[in-house]
């Protein structure tokens, strides 16, 4: 019984940590910018997108910038503005 409880707690903590990467405001889905517009803007700026997904209340992109550096960027779903970015040095 203790094993099941500990597993549930660890799962909850790991799930919380995964979404703690960026603090995006929750917007109604009907007000979100289409993913295709953000993807196209990134491509126009020279990014190579490997993964683009919804993560909690954020859009999240994994890929490379025009200099070939690994990039992880979180975007506000309504404004399309970056909320957090990690670029390889």
Protein backbone atom coordinates (compact mmCIF):
# COMPACT_ATOMS: atom_id res chain seq x y z
CA UNK A 1 0.00 0.00 0.00
CA UNK A 2 2.83 2.42 0.80
CA UNK A 3 4.41 1.70 -2.59
CA UNK A 4 1.25 2.81 -4.44
CA UNK A 5 1.00 6.02 -2.43
CA UNK A 6 4.66 6.89 -2.97
CA UNK A 7 4.34 6.21 -6.70
CA UNK A 8 1.34 8.52 -6.93
CA UNK A 9 3.19 11.29 -5.07
CA UNK A 10 6.30 10.96 -7.25
CA UNK A 11 4.19 11.01 -10.41
CA UNK A 12 2.42 14.16 -9.23
CA UNK A 13 5.72 15.87 -8.40
CA UNK A 14 7.33 14.94 -11.71
CA UNK A 15 4.28 16.17 -13.61
CA UNK A 16 4.40 19.48 -11.74
CA UNK A 17 8.08 19.94 -12.50
CA UNK A 18 7.51 19.29 -16.21
CA UNK A 19 5.01 22.16 -16.42
CA UNK A 20 7.03 24.50 -14.21
CA UNK A 21 9.39 25.31 -17.08
CA UNK A 22 7.39 28.33 -18.24
CA UNK A 23 4.65 30.35 -16.62
CA UNK A 24 2.07 30.94 -19.36
CA UNK A 25 -1.28 32.56 -18.74
CA UNK A 26 -4.30 30.38 -19.46
CA UNK A 27 -6.34 31.80 -22.36
CA UNK A 28 -9.56 30.41 -23.88
CA UNK A 29 -8.63 28.14 -26.80
CA UNK A 30 -10.69 30.20 -29.22
CA UNK A 31 -8.38 33.17 -28.61
CA UNK A 32 -5.15 31.24 -29.33
CA UNK A 33 -3.02 32.18 -32.31
CA UNK A 34 -2.96 29.23 -34.71
CA UNK A 35 0.15 27.07 -34.30
CA UNK A 36 0.84 27.45 -38.02
CA UNK A 37 1.37 31.23 -37.68
CA UNK A 38 3.95 30.87 -34.91
CA UNK A 39 5.69 28.03 -36.76
CA UNK A 40 5.87 30.12 -39.94
CA UNK A 41 7.25 33.13 -38.05
CA UNK A 42 9.98 30.92 -36.57
CA UNK A 43 10.85 29.46 -39.97
CA UNK A 44 10.96 32.98 -41.43
CA UNK A 45 13.49 33.91 -38.70
CA UNK A 46 15.68 30.95 -39.66
CA UNK A 47 14.65 28.41 -37.03
CA UNK A 48 14.52 24.70 -37.81
CA UNK A 49 11.63 23.15 -35.87
CA UNK A 50 11.98 19.56 -34.64
CA UNK A 51 9.01 19.51 -32.24
CA UNK A 52 6.20 22.02 -31.79
CA UNK A 53 3.53 21.20 -29.23
CA UNK A 54 1.15 22.49 -26.61
CA UNK A 55 2.58 22.20 -23.10
CA UNK A 56 0.07 23.24 -20.47
CA UNK A 57 -0.90 26.82 -21.36
CA UNK A 58 2.10 27.37 -23.65
CA UNK A 59 3.17 26.55 -27.14
CA UNK A 60 6.58 24.89 -26.94
CA UNK A 61 9.18 24.59 -29.69
CA UNK A 62 12.30 22.43 -29.78
CA UNK A 63 14.69 22.94 -32.65
CA UNK A 64 17.66 25.00 -33.83
CA UNK A 65 18.17 28.71 -34.47
CA UNK A 66 19.74 30.08 -37.66
CA UNK A 67 23.22 29.71 -36.09
CA UNK A 68 22.57 25.98 -35.59
CA UNK A 69 22.29 26.29 -31.80
CA UNK A 70 19.76 24.11 -30.01
CA UNK A 71 16.71 26.11 -28.91
CA UNK A 72 13.77 25.48 -26.59
CA UNK A 73 11.20 28.29 -26.59
CA UNK A 74 7.85 28.65 -24.84
CA UNK A 75 5.26 31.04 -26.29
CA UNK A 76 2.11 32.68 -24.96
CA UNK A 77 -0.77 31.10 -26.89
CA UNK A 78 -2.67 34.37 -27.32
CA UNK A 79 0.05 36.92 -28.08
CA UNK A 80 2.64 34.58 -29.58
CA UNK A 81 5.36 36.30 -27.57
CA UNK A 82 8.15 34.18 -26.07
CA UNK A 83 7.67 33.53 -22.36
CA UNK A 84 10.90 31.61 -21.85
CA UNK A 85 13.77 30.66 -24.12
CA UNK A 86 16.80 28.46 -23.67
CA UNK A 87 19.38 28.68 -26.44
CA UNK A 88 22.52 26.54 -26.47
CA UNK A 89 25.69 28.59 -25.95
